[in-house]
């Protein structure tokens, strides 16, 4: 089906959105038509006016696309514009949101059995109509843009990632390690592996911002007394030493030989290059390419340091062969044990409801599609329950990890290896169903961005939207003038809002708390907002 035919089909289907068939068709098209597969709790559409930014002086130039020959240049002339890509993602997001809105509404009607008040019914009806109007508006905008599409996304994603990996490599391999300025990162944060990985990301971002080589101190690591290199390759082959006599604590001074970076929860002041900020010199390219640029940027740091020693790589290869890892496949991460006191309990049916939705869409094109999941959990009973309740699924998992469920066994080399295997395969699935209160769930999502040109919405989180601990303030812009939910406040088109809490659980139909310019907390549905990407004027000294 051509682009125009598909667009017309979407317009026709929009008219029947409130029907079950129309909803299912649109949901499937949103998942499968576009080059990137989309899912629930996707990022809000990006605003391409850089409102939230820092003016940090830098003497570095702006990175540009590499020089290409005339033939390749003609191909770039056919690429879609930034406006086109942002609007296309807007439509995809609103299609999904409309489906979940009506799906939740149907569940409410079924459970209440007519007990819903007339006022509540009218509110839901009005919002349903409003959602359709906004969706139709976005479809109209898309129809006015057109544009040719090709392999530019894959090419651009590859070029951009390779550019950043070159910068990080050069940062970690200075010409003279003895005189190079360093940032010391201690791997002694008293938390689990996912939490420690996110601490490493903060360290690495701070090193990038300050143009310092990152030196990792992992002696006595709780997962392995021998340190990071038990499983992973070192951050540098040529520069891993530092002088203990010349250590200054963060933030230090520009001429400090070595600065020790603190744990994230006591950073003062915080670096400017923290999630979900992106550097200005690649911002326009990244805005056009990706649905959540800040997560893509985090993923690049993970891509650099998540490299295995030969024995670990051998374990990965053997596991892949033994479990017969194939596509299509959905990754499911069920976190229990220590998370029981930190977040709400979610039974396996809640996870599998989203898995079923995903495969129901695939089944429209392939009635014989194999339903396959990669399951990871720290609770052995979950594996037994899944196999008993869902015998029509092929359930893949790393068998050794099933036995690791007690706190006493969590911080061992064996546990480390098994958890790394799970992270590796979860990130390589086509879609994940997780909880973002779990560092592992968020880490897997971040890693997925390094394996796809845009995996920004290949997920469903059962509890919270994506966030990063110690992240910078997150702002959104109101798309259309409307009345805020649960408050007698009219939000004006173009009004800037700041999310009031990053740890706020998603309410029904995705109403999230924001603080408006009048310092009042309002609850706003995501389809009425566009996210303002946080762009900072920080660059690398190693621009090609």
Foldseek 3Di string as FASTA:
>chain_A
DDPVVVLVVLVVLLVVCLDPVSLLVLLLCLQPVDPAGFAPLFDFQADPPQPFEADDDDPDDFFDQDDDDPVVVVVVVQAFALVLLSLVVLLSRLSRLLSQLSVVVVVVCVVCVPVDDPVVVVVSVVVNVVSSVLNVVSSVVNVVRDTDDDCVLVVLLVRVLVQVLVLLQCLQPDPDQVQFAEEEEEQAPPDADLLSLLQVLQSSLLCQQLSGHYAYDAQCPLQDNVGDQVWWDGLHPHHHDDDPVQEDEPPDDSNRRYYYDDGLVPDVPGDPRFPQADAPSCVNVQSSQERRSSLLVSLSSCVSTLHTDVVLVVVLVVLCVVQVDDPQEEEEEQEDDPCPVVDPHDDVVVQVVRLVSNVVSVCVVPVPDAREYEYHYLALVNVVVCCVVCVSHSYGYDVQSSPRNDPVRCRYNSNVSRVSSSLVVNLVHSAYEEAQVDSSVSSSQSNVVSVGSYNSRRYHHPWARHDRPSHDWWKKFFQDWDQFPPDRDTHHHGWMWIFPDRRHTADRSRFGWTQTPVRDITTDHSSRIHTNHYYYNGDGPDRD
